PDB file of N, CA and C in Angstrom:
ATOM      1  N   MET A   1      39.705  -1.307 -15.033  1.00  0.00           N
ATOM      2  CA  MET A   1      40.436  -2.115 -16.277  1.00  0.00           C
ATOM      3  C   MET A   1      39.254  -2.922 -16.804  1.00  0.00           C
ATOM      4  N   GLY A   2      39.002  -3.464 -17.861  1.00  0.00           N
ATOM      5  CA  GLY A   2      38.277  -4.439 -18.299  1.00  0.00           C
ATOM      6  C   GLY A   2      39.020  -5.651 -18.229  1.00  0.00           C
ATOM      7  N   ASN A   3      38.579  -6.539 -19.523  1.00  0.00           N
ATOM      8  CA  ASN A   3      39.331  -7.757 -19.902  1.00  0.00           C
ATOM      9  C   ASN A   3      40.495  -7.706 -20.281  1.00  0.00           C
ATOM     10  N   VAL A   4      41.638  -8.331 -19.529  1.00  0.00           N
ATOM     11  CA  VAL A   4      42.651  -8.455 -20.246  1.00  0.00           C
ATOM     12  C   VAL A   4      43.487  -9.490 -20.571  1.00  0.00           C
ATOM     13  N   SER A   5      44.064  -9.658 -21.789  1.00  0.00           N
ATOM     14  CA  SER A   5      44.645 -10.816 -22.811  1.00  0.00           C
ATOM     15  C   SER A   5      45.743 -11.112 -22.420  1.00  0.00           C
ATOM     16  N   VAL A   6      46.451 -11.990 -22.057  1.00  0.00           N
ATOM     17  CA  VAL A   6      47.908 -12.492 -21.876  1.00  0.00           C
ATOM     18  C   VAL A   6      48.422 -13.377 -22.578  1.00  0.00           C
ATOM     19  N   HIS A   7      49.037 -13.380 -24.019  1.00  0.00           N
ATOM     20  CA  HIS A   7      50.049 -14.204 -25.055  1.00  0.00           C
ATOM     21  C   HIS A   7      51.271 -14.458 -24.675  1.00  0.00           C
ATOM     22  N   LEU A   8      51.448 -15.875 -24.985  1.00  0.00           N
ATOM     23  CA  LEU A   8      53.086 -16.328 -24.992  1.00  0.00           C
ATOM     24  C   LEU A   8      53.277 -16.197 -26.501  1.00  0.00           C
ATOM     25  N   GLY A   9      54.367 -15.571 -27.076  1.00  0.00           N
ATOM     26  CA  GLY A   9      55.107 -15.527 -28.304  1.00  0.00           C
ATOM     27  C   GLY A   9      55.950 -14.933 -28.412  1.00  0.00           C
ATOM     28  N   ASP A  10      56.300 -14.621 -29.800  1.00  0.00           N
ATOM     29  CA  ASP A  10      57.588 -13.295 -30.303  1.00  0.00           C
ATOM     30  C   ASP A  10      57.100 -12.139 -29.970  1.00  0.00           C
ATOM     31  N   GLY A  11      57.383 -11.622 -29.173  1.00  0.00           N
ATOM     32  CA  GLY A  11      57.096 -10.046 -28.900  1.00  0.00           C
ATOM     33  C   GLY A  11      57.366  -9.447 -30.083  1.00  0.00           C
ATOM     34  N   PHE A  12      58.656  -9.408 -31.030  1.00  0.00           N
ATOM     35  CA  PHE A  12      58.338  -8.991 -32.259  1.00  0.00           C
ATOM     36  C   PHE A  12      57.344  -8.552 -33.255  1.00  0.00           C
ATOM     37  N   LEU A  13      56.927 -10.131 -33.099  1.00  0.00           N
ATOM     38  CA  LEU A  13      55.346 -10.195 -34.082  1.00  0.00           C
ATOM     39  C   LEU A  13      54.528  -9.652 -33.302  1.00  0.00           C
ATOM     40  N   GLY A  14      54.188  -9.376 -32.567  1.00  0.00           N
ATOM     41  CA  GLY A  14      53.068  -9.172 -32.043  1.00  0.00           C
ATOM     42  C   GLY A  14      51.528  -9.947 -32.027  1.00  0.00           C
ATOM     43  N   LEU A  15      50.579  -9.503 -32.514  1.00  0.00           N
ATOM     44  CA  LEU A  15      49.329 -10.268 -32.505  1.00  0.00           C
ATOM     45  C   LEU A  15      48.438  -9.528 -33.502  1.00  0.00           C
ATOM     46  N   SER A  16      48.822  -9.521 -34.620  1.00  0.00           N
ATOM     47  CA  SER A  16      48.163  -8.810 -35.609  1.00  0.00           C
ATOM     48  C   SER A  16      47.007  -9.936 -36.030  1.00  0.00           C
ATOM     49  N   GLU A  17      46.418 -11.048 -36.059  1.00  0.00           N
ATOM     50  CA  GLU A  17      45.092 -11.345 -36.314  1.00  0.00           C
ATOM     51  C   GLU A  17      44.253 -10.609 -35.100  1.00  0.00           C
ATOM     52  N   GLN A  18      44.721  -9.589 -34.051  1.00  0.00           N
ATOM     53  CA  GLN A  18      43.849  -8.991 -33.086  1.00  0.00           C
ATOM     54  C   GLN A  18      43.801  -7.854 -33.287  1.00  0.00           C
ATOM     55  N   ALA A  19      44.811  -7.306 -34.303  1.00  0.00           N
ATOM     56  CA  ALA A  19      44.873  -5.440 -34.472  1.00  0.00           C
ATOM     57  C   ALA A  19      43.881  -5.055 -35.168  1.00  0.00           C
ATOM     58  N   PRO A  20      43.768  -3.727 -34.853  1.00  0.00           N
ATOM     59  CA  PRO A  20      45.026  -2.911 -34.453  1.00  0.00           C
ATOM     60  C   PRO A  20      44.711  -2.667 -33.031  1.00  0.00           C
ATOM     61  N   PHE A  21      45.475  -2.242 -32.212  1.00  0.00           N
ATOM     62  CA  PHE A  21      45.369  -1.679 -30.805  1.00  0.00           C
ATOM     63  C   PHE A  21      45.799  -0.681 -30.537  1.00  0.00           C
ATOM     64  N   ASP A  22      44.906  -0.322 -29.316  1.00  0.00           N
ATOM     65  CA  ASP A  22      44.888   1.449 -28.800  1.00  0.00           C
ATOM     66  C   ASP A  22      46.026   1.659 -28.208  1.00  0.00           C
ATOM     67  N   GLY A  23      47.100   0.476 -27.540  1.00  0.00           N
ATOM     68  CA  GLY A  23      48.213   0.537 -26.719  1.00  0.00           C
ATOM     69  C   GLY A  23      48.935  -0.831 -26.895  1.00  0.00           C
ATOM     70  N   ILE A  24      50.259  -1.096 -27.040  1.00  0.00           N
ATOM     71  CA  ILE A  24      51.076  -2.111 -26.880  1.00  0.00           C
ATOM     72  C   ILE A  24      52.025  -1.588 -25.461  1.00  0.00           C
ATOM     73  N   ILE A  25      52.139  -2.257 -24.600  1.00  0.00           N
ATOM     74  CA  ILE A  25      53.409  -2.270 -23.757  1.00  0.00           C
ATOM     75  C   ILE A  25      54.508  -3.345 -24.174  1.00  0.00           C
ATOM     76  N   LEU A  26      55.823  -3.011 -24.242  1.00  0.00           N
ATOM     77  CA  LEU A  26      57.041  -4.106 -23.936  1.00  0.00           C
ATOM     78  C   LEU A  26      57.389  -3.316 -22.647  1.00  0.00           C
ATOM     79  N   THR A  27      57.997  -4.726 -21.835  1.00  0.00           N
ATOM     80  CA  THR A  27      58.847  -4.418 -21.064  1.00  0.00           C
ATOM     81  C   THR A  27      59.990  -4.981 -21.053  1.00  0.00           C
ATOM     82  N   ALA A  28      60.466  -5.027 -22.467  1.00  0.00           N
ATOM     83  CA  ALA A  28      62.040  -5.471 -22.420  1.00  0.00           C
ATOM     84  C   ALA A  28      62.376  -4.790 -23.436  1.00  0.00           C
ATOM     85  N   ALA A  29      64.156  -4.268 -23.688  1.00  0.00           N
ATOM     86  CA  ALA A  29      64.230  -3.068 -24.807  1.00  0.00           C
ATOM     87  C   ALA A  29      64.828  -3.480 -25.888  1.00  0.00           C
ATOM     88  N   PRO A  30      63.985  -3.623 -26.663  1.00  0.00           N
ATOM     89  CA  PRO A  30      64.886  -3.938 -28.448  1.00  0.00           C
ATOM     90  C   PRO A  30      65.337  -2.808 -28.435  1.00  0.00           C
ATOM     91  N   ARG A  31      66.321  -2.751 -29.671  1.00  0.00           N
ATOM     92  CA  ARG A  31      67.391  -1.675 -30.030  1.00  0.00           C
ATOM     93  C   ARG A  31      66.767  -1.262 -31.287  1.00  0.00           C
ATOM     94  N   GLU A  32      65.901  -1.591 -31.896  1.00  0.00           N
ATOM     95  CA  GLU A  32      64.922  -0.524 -32.653  1.00  0.00           C
ATOM     96  C   GLU A  32      63.703  -1.025 -32.636  1.00  0.00           C
ATOM     97  N   VAL A  33      62.818   0.067 -32.948  1.00  0.00           N
ATOM     98  CA  VAL A  33      61.612   0.081 -32.738  1.00  0.00           C
ATOM     99  C   VAL A  33      60.840  -1.298 -33.598  1.00  0.00           C
ATOM    100  N   PRO A  34      60.277  -2.373 -33.478  1.00  0.00           N
ATOM    101  CA  PRO A  34      59.915  -3.505 -34.141  1.00  0.00           C
ATOM    102  C   PRO A  34      58.834  -2.725 -34.922  1.00  0.00           C
ATOM    103  N   ALA A  35      58.999  -2.596 -36.364  1.00  0.00           N
ATOM    104  CA  ALA A  35      58.007  -1.937 -37.352  1.00  0.00           C
ATOM    105  C   ALA A  35      56.895  -2.903 -37.292  1.00  0.00           C
ATOM    106  N   SER A  36      56.648  -4.409 -37.035  1.00  0.00           N
ATOM    107  CA  SER A  36      55.431  -4.916 -36.932  1.00  0.00           C
ATOM    108  C   SER A  36      54.552  -4.872 -35.867  1.00  0.00           C
ATOM    109  N   LEU A  37      54.984  -3.957 -35.019  1.00  0.00           N
ATOM    110  CA  LEU A  37      54.198  -3.619 -33.422  1.00  0.00           C
ATOM    111  C   LEU A  37      53.665  -2.180 -34.096  1.00  0.00           C
ATOM    112  N   VAL A  38      54.738  -1.104 -34.857  1.00  0.00           N
ATOM    113  CA  VAL A  38      53.984  -0.304 -34.769  1.00  0.00           C
ATOM    114  C   VAL A  38      53.069  -0.066 -36.107  1.00  0.00           C
ATOM    115  N   ASN A  39      53.238  -0.725 -37.089  1.00  0.00           N
ATOM    116  CA  ASN A  39      51.872  -1.459 -37.901  1.00  0.00           C
ATOM    117  C   ASN A  39      50.475  -1.769 -37.276  1.00  0.00           C
ATOM    118  N   GLN A  40      50.819  -2.234 -36.126  1.00  0.00           N
ATOM    119  CA  GLN A  40      49.435  -3.149 -35.543  1.00  0.00           C
ATOM    120  C   GLN A  40      48.505  -1.743 -34.949  1.00  0.00           C
ATOM    121  N   LEU A  41      49.271  -0.698 -34.620  1.00  0.00           N
ATOM    122  CA  LEU A  41      48.561   0.297 -33.846  1.00  0.00           C
ATOM    123  C   LEU A  41      47.735   1.168 -34.469  1.00  0.00           C
ATOM    124  N   ALA A  42      46.102   1.295 -33.925  1.00  0.00           N
ATOM    125  CA  ALA A  42      45.440   2.174 -34.226  1.00  0.00           C
ATOM    126  C   ALA A  42      45.613   3.277 -34.082  1.00  0.00           C
ATOM    127  N   GLU A  43      45.283   4.137 -35.155  1.00  0.00           N
ATOM    128  CA  GLU A  43      45.154   5.624 -35.235  1.00  0.00           C
ATOM    129  C   GLU A  43      45.250   6.227 -34.142  1.00  0.00           C
ATOM    130  N   GLY A  44      46.113   7.013 -33.410  1.00  0.00           N
ATOM    131  CA  GLY A  44      46.294   7.692 -32.154  1.00  0.00           C
ATOM    132  C   GLY A  44      46.730   6.148 -30.846  1.00  0.00           C
ATOM    133  N   GLY A  45      47.046   4.979 -31.729  1.00  0.00           N
ATOM    134  CA  GLY A  45      47.171   4.203 -31.011  1.00  0.00           C
ATOM    135  C   GLY A  45      48.708   4.522 -29.887  1.00  0.00           C
ATOM    136  N   ARG A  46      49.188   4.245 -28.960  1.00  0.00           N
ATOM    137  CA  ARG A  46      50.570   4.266 -28.328  1.00  0.00           C
ATOM    138  C   ARG A  46      50.793   3.070 -28.038  1.00  0.00           C
ATOM    139  N   LEU A  47      52.390   2.957 -28.278  1.00  0.00           N
ATOM    140  CA  LEU A  47      53.599   1.962 -27.812  1.00  0.00           C
ATOM    141  C   LEU A  47      54.373   2.448 -26.959  1.00  0.00           C
ATOM    142  N   VAL A  48      54.523   2.070 -25.986  1.00  0.00           N
ATOM    143  CA  VAL A  48      55.304   2.341 -24.501  1.00  0.00           C
ATOM    144  C   VAL A  48      56.301   1.257 -24.520  1.00  0.00           C
ATOM    145  N   MET A  49      57.904   1.640 -24.464  1.00  0.00           N
ATOM    146  CA  MET A  49      58.667   0.836 -24.615  1.00  0.00           C
ATOM    147  C   MET A  49      60.099   1.117 -24.166  1.00  0.00           C
ATOM    148  N   PRO A  50      60.815   0.442 -23.479  1.00  0.00           N
ATOM    149  CA  PRO A  50      61.992   0.940 -23.240  1.00  0.00           C
ATOM    150  C   PRO A  50      62.986   0.820 -24.979  1.00  0.00           C
ATOM    151  N   LEU A  51      63.779   1.617 -24.950  1.00  0.00           N
ATOM    152  CA  LEU A  51      64.517   1.525 -26.460  1.00  0.00           C
ATOM    153  C   LEU A  51      66.083   1.693 -25.913  1.00  0.00           C
ATOM    154  N   GLU A  52      66.842   0.539 -26.342  1.00  0.00           N
ATOM    155  CA  GLU A  52      68.256   0.560 -26.533  1.00  0.00           C
ATOM    156  C   GLU A  52      69.142   1.262 -27.500  1.00  0.00           C
ATOM    157  N   LEU A  53      69.918   1.887 -26.964  1.00  0.00           N
ATOM    158  CA  LEU A  53      70.643   2.970 -28.113  1.00  0.00           C
ATOM    159  C   LEU A  53      71.944   2.328 -28.363  1.00  0.00           C
ATOM    160  N   GLU A  54      72.182   2.487 -29.470  1.00  0.00           N
ATOM    161  CA  GLU A  54      73.777   2.287 -30.115  1.00  0.00           C
ATOM    162  C   GLU A  54      75.102   2.127 -28.788  1.00  0.00           C
ATOM    163  N   SER A  55      74.878   3.866 -27.988  1.00  0.00           N
ATOM    164  CA  SER A  55      75.473   4.031 -27.115  1.00  0.00           C
ATOM    165  C   SER A  55      75.318   2.883 -25.804  1.00  0.00           C
ATOM    166  N   GLY A  56      74.507   2.094 -25.565  1.00  0.00           N
ATOM    167  CA  GLY A  56      73.742   1.167 -24.783  1.00  0.00           C
ATOM    168  C   GLY A  56      73.080   1.450 -23.692  1.00  0.00           C
ATOM    169  N   GLU A  57      72.864   2.954 -23.686  1.00  0.00           N
ATOM    170  CA  GLU A  57      71.879   3.556 -22.533  1.00  0.00           C
ATOM    171  C   GLU A  57      70.354   3.420 -23.327  1.00  0.00           C
ATOM    172  N   GLN A  58      69.526   2.968 -22.334  1.00  0.00           N
ATOM    173  CA  GLN A  58      68.003   2.895 -22.927  1.00  0.00           C
ATOM    174  C   GLN A  58      66.936   4.005 -22.105  1.00  0.00           C
ATOM    175  N   TYR A  59      66.313   4.407 -22.880  1.00  0.00           N
ATOM    176  CA  TYR A  59      65.317   5.164 -22.561  1.00  0.00           C
ATOM    177  C   TYR A  59      63.777   4.689 -22.737  1.00  0.00           C
ATOM    178  N   LEU A  60      63.149   5.215 -21.869  1.00  0.00           N
ATOM    179  CA  LEU A  60      61.609   5.038 -22.183  1.00  0.00           C
ATOM    180  C   LEU A  60      61.082   5.651 -23.251  1.00  0.00           C
ATOM    181  N   MET A  61      60.466   5.161 -24.104  1.00  0.00           N
ATOM    182  CA  MET A  61      59.895   5.945 -25.234  1.00  0.00           C
ATOM    183  C   MET A  61      58.406   5.428 -25.505  1.00  0.00           C
ATOM    184  N   ARG A  62      57.596   6.496 -25.959  1.00  0.00           N
ATOM    185  CA  ARG A  62      56.144   6.757 -26.083  1.00  0.00           C
ATOM    186  C   ARG A  62      56.360   6.910 -27.731  1.00  0.00           C
ATOM    187  N   PHE A  63      55.469   6.059 -28.885  1.00  0.00           N
ATOM    188  CA  PHE A  63      55.403   6.281 -30.241  1.00  0.00           C
ATOM    189  C   PHE A  63      53.904   6.765 -29.904  1.00  0.00           C
ATOM    190  N   THR A  64      53.278   7.434 -30.534  1.00  0.00           N
ATOM    191  CA  THR A  64      52.007   7.628 -31.093  1.00  0.00           C
ATOM    192  C   THR A  64      51.679   7.883 -32.649  1.00  0.00           C
ATOM    193  N   ASN A  65      51.073   6.909 -33.175  1.00  0.00           N
ATOM    194  CA  ASN A  65      50.645   6.223 -34.457  1.00  0.00           C
ATOM    195  C   ASN A  65      49.683   7.453 -34.839  1.00  0.00           C
ATOM    196  N   SER A  66      50.037   8.579 -35.665  1.00  0.00           N
ATOM    197  CA  SER A  66      48.954   9.333 -36.570  1.00  0.00           C
ATOM    198  C   SER A  66      48.829   9.050 -38.012  1.00  0.00           C
ATOM    199  N   LYS A  67      47.815  10.138 -38.719  1.00  0.00           N
ATOM    200  CA  LYS A  67      47.910  10.184 -40.052  1.00  0.00           C
ATOM    201  C   LYS A  67      49.180  11.098 -40.490  1.00  0.00           C
ATOM    202  N   ALA A  68      49.549  11.946 -40.008  1.00  0.00           N
ATOM    203  CA  ALA A  68      51.210  12.319 -40.421  1.00  0.00           C
ATOM    204  C   ALA A  68      52.242  11.525 -39.985  1.00  0.00           C
ATOM    205  N   GLY A  69      52.046  10.398 -39.411  1.00  0.00           N
ATOM    206  CA  GLY A  69      53.479   9.600 -39.217  1.00  0.00           C
ATOM    207  C   GLY A  69      53.266   9.005 -38.043  1.00  0.00           C
ATOM    208  N   LEU A  70      54.539   8.746 -37.208  1.00  0.00           N
ATOM    209  CA  LEU A  70      54.642   8.405 -35.651  1.00  0.00           C
ATOM    210  C   LEU A  70      55.418   9.463 -35.144  1.00  0.00           C
ATOM    211  N   PHE A  71      54.619   9.815 -34.160  1.00  0.00           N
ATOM    212  CA  PHE A  71      55.078  11.001 -33.222  1.00  0.00           C
ATOM    213  C   PHE A  71      56.052  10.165 -32.132  1.00  0.00           C
ATOM    214  N   GLU A  72      57.162  10.617 -31.773  1.00  0.00           N
ATOM    215  CA  GLU A  72      58.402  10.078 -30.713  1.00  0.00           C
ATOM    216  C   GLU A  72      58.421  10.840 -29.552  1.00  0.00           C
ATOM    217  N   GLU A  73      58.266  10.421 -28.157  1.00  0.00           N
ATOM    218  CA  GLU A  73      59.089  11.391 -27.286  1.00  0.00           C
ATOM    219  C   GLU A  73      59.620  10.366 -26.426  1.00  0.00           C
ATOM    220  N   ARG A  74      60.793  10.690 -25.577  1.00  0.00           N
ATOM    221  CA  ARG A  74      61.777  10.002 -24.673  1.00  0.00           C
ATOM    222  C   ARG A  74      61.500  10.734 -23.408  1.00  0.00           C
ATOM    223  N   PHE A  75      61.229   9.640 -22.687  1.00  0.00           N
ATOM    224  CA  PHE A  75      61.343  10.426 -21.197  1.00  0.00           C
ATOM    225  C   PHE A  75      62.221   9.656 -20.504  1.00  0.00           C
ATOM    226  N   THR A  76      62.545   8.919 -19.234  1.00  0.00           N
ATOM    227  CA  THR A  76      63.422   9.321 -18.141  1.00  0.00           C
ATOM    228  C   THR A  76      64.283   7.792 -19.121  1.00  0.00           C
ATOM    229  N   GLU A  77      65.969   8.039 -18.681  1.00  0.00           N
ATOM    230  CA  GLU A  77      66.458   6.770 -18.929  1.00  0.00           C
ATOM    231  C   GLU A  77      66.512   5.673 -17.778  1.00  0.00           C
ATOM    232  N   VAL A  78      66.084   4.268 -18.566  1.00  0.00           N
ATOM    233  CA  VAL A  78      65.481   3.515 -17.634  1.00  0.00           C
ATOM    234  C   VAL A  78      66.791   1.750 -18.265  1.00  0.00           C
ATOM    235  N   ARG A  79      66.351   0.574 -17.481  1.00  0.00           N
ATOM    236  CA  ARG A  79      67.307  -0.198 -17.492  1.00  0.00           C
ATOM    237  C   ARG A  79      66.103  -1.461 -17.411  1.00  0.00           C
ATOM    238  N   PHE A  80      66.112  -1.934 -18.595  1.00  0.00           N
ATOM    239  CA  PHE A  80      65.330  -3.245 -18.565  1.00  0.00           C
ATOM    240  C   PHE A  80      66.350  -4.321 -19.346  1.00  0.00           C
ATOM    241  N   VAL A  81      65.439  -5.656 -19.427  1.00  0.00           N
ATOM    242  CA  VAL A  81      66.446  -6.618 -19.905  1.00  0.00           C
ATOM    243  C   VAL A  81      66.021  -6.207 -21.519  1.00  0.00           C
ATOM    244  N   PRO A  82      67.286  -7.009 -22.269  1.00  0.00           N
ATOM    245  CA  PRO A  82      67.010  -7.291 -23.550  1.00  0.00           C
ATOM    246  C   PRO A  82      65.824  -8.129 -24.017  1.00  0.00           C
ATOM    247  N   MET A  83      65.579  -7.245 -25.675  1.00  0.00           N
ATOM    248  CA  MET A  83      64.075  -8.324 -25.703  1.00  0.00           C
ATOM    249  C   MET A  83      65.035  -8.951 -27.051  1.00  0.00           C
ATOM    250  N   LEU A  84      64.496 -10.142 -26.647  1.00  0.00           N
ATOM    251  CA  LEU A  84      64.919 -11.326 -27.587  1.00  0.00           C
ATOM    252  C   LEU A  84      63.915 -11.832 -28.329  1.00  0.00           C
ATOM    253  N   GLN A  85      64.754 -11.899 -29.929  1.00  0.00           N
ATOM    254  CA  GLN A  85      63.276 -12.592 -30.729  1.00  0.00           C
ATOM    255  C   GLN A  85      63.147 -14.234 -30.381  1.00  0.00           C
ATOM    256  N   GLY A  86      61.936 -14.572 -31.079  1.00  0.00           N
ATOM    257  CA  GLY A  86      61.748 -16.201 -30.863  1.00  0.00           C
ATOM    258  C   GLY A  86      61.049 -16.410 -29.718  1.00  0.00           C
ATOM    259  N   ILE A  87      60.562 -17.626 -29.210  1.00  0.00           N
ATOM    260  CA  ILE A  87      59.440 -18.092 -28.673  1.00  0.00           C
ATOM    261  C   ILE A  87      60.001 -19.426 -28.157  1.00  0.00           C
ATOM    262  N   PRO A  88      59.875 -20.166 -26.622  1.00  0.00           N
ATOM    263  CA  PRO A  88      60.694 -21.294 -26.142  1.00  0.00           C
ATOM    264  C   PRO A  88      59.627 -22.301 -26.908  1.00  0.00           C
ATOM    265  N   ASP A  89      59.839 -23.502 -26.646  1.00  0.00           N
ATOM    266  CA  ASP A  89      59.182 -24.709 -27.473  1.00  0.00           C
ATOM    267  C   ASP A  89      58.168 -24.988 -27.005  1.00  0.00           C
ATOM    268  N   LYS A  90      57.402 -24.012 -27.166  1.00  0.00           N
ATOM    269  CA  LYS A  90      55.876 -24.454 -26.629  1.00  0.00           C
ATOM    270  C   LYS A  90      54.548 -23.691 -27.421  1.00  0.00           C
ATOM    271  N   LYS A  91      53.990 -24.119 -27.648  1.00  0.00           N
ATOM    272  CA  LYS A  91      52.758 -23.610 -28.848  1.00  0.00           C
ATOM    273  C   LYS A  91      52.207 -22.262 -28.026  1.00  0.00           C
ATOM    274  N   ARG A  92      52.175 -21.491 -29.025  1.00  0.00           N
ATOM    275  CA  ARG A  92      51.709 -19.591 -28.446  1.00  0.00           C
ATOM    276  C   ARG A  92      50.299 -20.454 -27.676  1.00  0.00           C
ATOM    277  N   SER A  93      50.353 -19.764 -26.454  1.00  0.00           N
ATOM    278  CA  SER A  93      49.392 -19.954 -25.802  1.00  0.00           C
ATOM    279  C   SER A  93      48.420 -18.665 -24.923  1.00  0.00           C
ATOM    280  N   GLN A  94      47.474 -18.593 -24.497  1.00  0.00           N
ATOM    281  CA  GLN A  94      46.604 -17.327 -24.003  1.00  0.00           C
ATOM    282  C   GLN A  94      45.625 -17.592 -22.818  1.00  0.00           C
ATOM    283  N   THR A  95      45.685 -16.784 -22.323  1.00  0.00           N
ATOM    284  CA  THR A  95      44.634 -16.778 -21.082  1.00  0.00           C
ATOM    285  C   THR A  95      44.140 -15.632 -20.628  1.00  0.00           C
ATOM    286  N   THR A  96      42.817 -15.520 -20.510  1.00  0.00           N
ATOM    287  CA  THR A  96      42.164 -14.441 -20.432  1.00  0.00           C
ATOM    288  C   THR A  96      42.387 -14.208 -18.890  1.00  0.00           C
ATOM    289  N   VAL A  97      42.151 -12.540 -18.830  1.00  0.00           N
ATOM    290  CA  VAL A  97      42.068 -12.383 -17.238  1.00  0.00           C
ATOM    291  C   VAL A  97      40.940 -11.838 -17.135  1.00  0.00           C
ATOM    292  N   ILE A  98      39.505 -12.341 -16.174  1.00  0.00           N
ATOM    293  CA  ILE A  98      38.448 -11.218 -16.278  1.00  0.00           C
ATOM    294  C   ILE A  98      38.918 -10.607 -14.798  1.00  0.00           C
ATOM    295  N   GLU A  99      38.387  -9.489 -15.216  1.00  0.00           N
ATOM    296  CA  GLU A  99      38.550  -8.359 -13.474  1.00  0.00           C
ATOM    297  C   GLU A  99      38.047  -9.000 -12.589  1.00  0.00           C
ATOM    298  N   HIS A 100      39.194  -8.827 -11.163  1.00  0.00           N
ATOM    299  CA  HIS A 100      38.749  -9.489  -9.804  1.00  0.00           C
ATOM    300  C   HIS A 100      39.427 -10.842 -10.128  1.00  0.00           C
ATOM    301  N   GLU A 101      39.903 -11.561 -11.146  1.00  0.00           N
ATOM    302  CA  GLU A 101      40.322 -13.076 -10.870  1.00  0.00           C
ATOM    303  C   GLU A 101      41.509 -13.251 -10.729  1.00  0.00           C
ATOM    304  N   SER A 102      42.145 -13.844  -9.968  1.00  0.00           N
ATOM    305  CA  SER A 102      43.755 -14.034  -9.491  1.00  0.00           C
ATOM    306  C   SER A 102      44.473 -14.497 -11.326  1.00  0.00           C
ATOM    307  N   LEU A 103      45.385 -14.506 -11.364  1.00  0.00           N
ATOM    308  CA  LEU A 103      45.869 -15.229 -12.453  1.00  0.00           C
ATOM    309  C   LEU A 103      47.776 -15.811 -11.952  1.00  0.00           C
ATOM    310  N   LYS A 104      47.600 -16.930 -12.385  1.00  0.00           N
ATOM    311  CA  LYS A 104      49.135 -17.669 -12.031  1.00  0.00           C
ATOM    312  C   LYS A 104      49.870 -18.088 -13.594  1.00  0.00           C
ATOM    313  N   ILE A 105      50.731 -17.388 -13.796  1.00  0.00           N
ATOM    314  CA  ILE A 105      51.294 -17.333 -15.605  1.00  0.00           C
ATOM    315  C   ILE A 105      52.767 -18.691 -14.970  1.00  0.00           C
ATOM    316  N   GLU A 106      52.623 -19.699 -15.815  1.00  0.00           N
ATOM    317  CA  GLU A 106      53.640 -20.610 -15.423  1.00  0.00           C
ATOM    318  C   GLU A 106      54.440 -20.629 -17.044  1.00  0.00           C
ATOM    319  N   SER A 107      55.909 -20.226 -16.357  1.00  0.00           N
ATOM    320  CA  SER A 107      56.567 -19.733 -17.386  1.00  0.00           C
ATOM    321  C   SER A 107      57.187 -21.168 -18.233  1.00  0.00           C
ATOM    322  N   PRO A 108      57.338 -21.358 -19.001  1.00  0.00           N
ATOM    323  CA  PRO A 108      58.135 -22.363 -20.034  1.00  0.00           C
ATOM    324  C   PRO A 108      59.860 -22.476 -19.665  1.00  0.00           C
ATOM    325  N   LYS A 109      60.499 -23.319 -19.529  1.00  0.00           N
ATOM    326  CA  LYS A 109      61.609 -23.268 -19.469  1.00  0.00           C
ATOM    327  C   LYS A 109      62.341 -22.678 -21.046  1.00  0.00           C
ATOM    328  N   VAL A 110      63.464 -21.825 -20.912  1.00  0.00           N
ATOM    329  CA  VAL A 110      63.588 -21.315 -22.314  1.00  0.00           C
ATOM    330  C   VAL A 110      65.134 -21.608 -22.092  1.00  0.00           C
ATOM    331  N   ASP A 111      65.485 -22.083 -23.514  1.00  0.00           N
ATOM    332  CA  ASP A 111      67.225 -22.238 -23.773  1.00  0.00           C
ATOM    333  C   ASP A 111      67.606 -20.718 -23.965  1.00  0.00           C
ATOM    334  N   SER A 112      68.766 -20.722 -22.838  1.00  0.00           N
ATOM    335  CA  SER A 112      68.946 -19.197 -22.825  1.00  0.00           C
ATOM    336  C   SER A 112      70.300 -19.470 -23.784  1.00  0.00           C
ATOM    337  N   SER A 113      70.785 -20.472 -24.630  1.00  0.00           N
ATOM    338  CA  SER A 113      71.737 -20.116 -25.245  1.00  0.00           C
ATOM    339  C   SER A 113      71.771 -19.833 -26.538  1.00  0.00           C
ATOM    340  N   LEU A 114      70.327 -19.182 -26.751  1.00  0.00           N
ATOM    341  CA  LEU A 114      70.017 -18.686 -28.127  1.00  0.00           C
ATOM    342  C   LEU A 114      70.286 -17.378 -28.394  1.00  0.00           C
TER     343      LEU A 114
END
């Protein structure tokens, strides 16, 4: 794997200034597919994410962007934390991780009452 860039920000918004992306991975479950993330996929790009259904069940999903539209695949049932909108009281930050470099990420305190 080459360089990886880690960003702190509202996951629902993505990172449009660096789009399009070949792949986007979510590690929290929204209740609908964020259109802003789909719009940031390159042709052939994939969005892999847990998706929470109205029933409360969550499934691991893969959405592939193509000229014909968005192709949806459902895999196994999963359980992830819910995806919440907003960001903590800290400006967006970025850390670039170079291959074989260790990384320490310090998480800012988040107001859990939101």
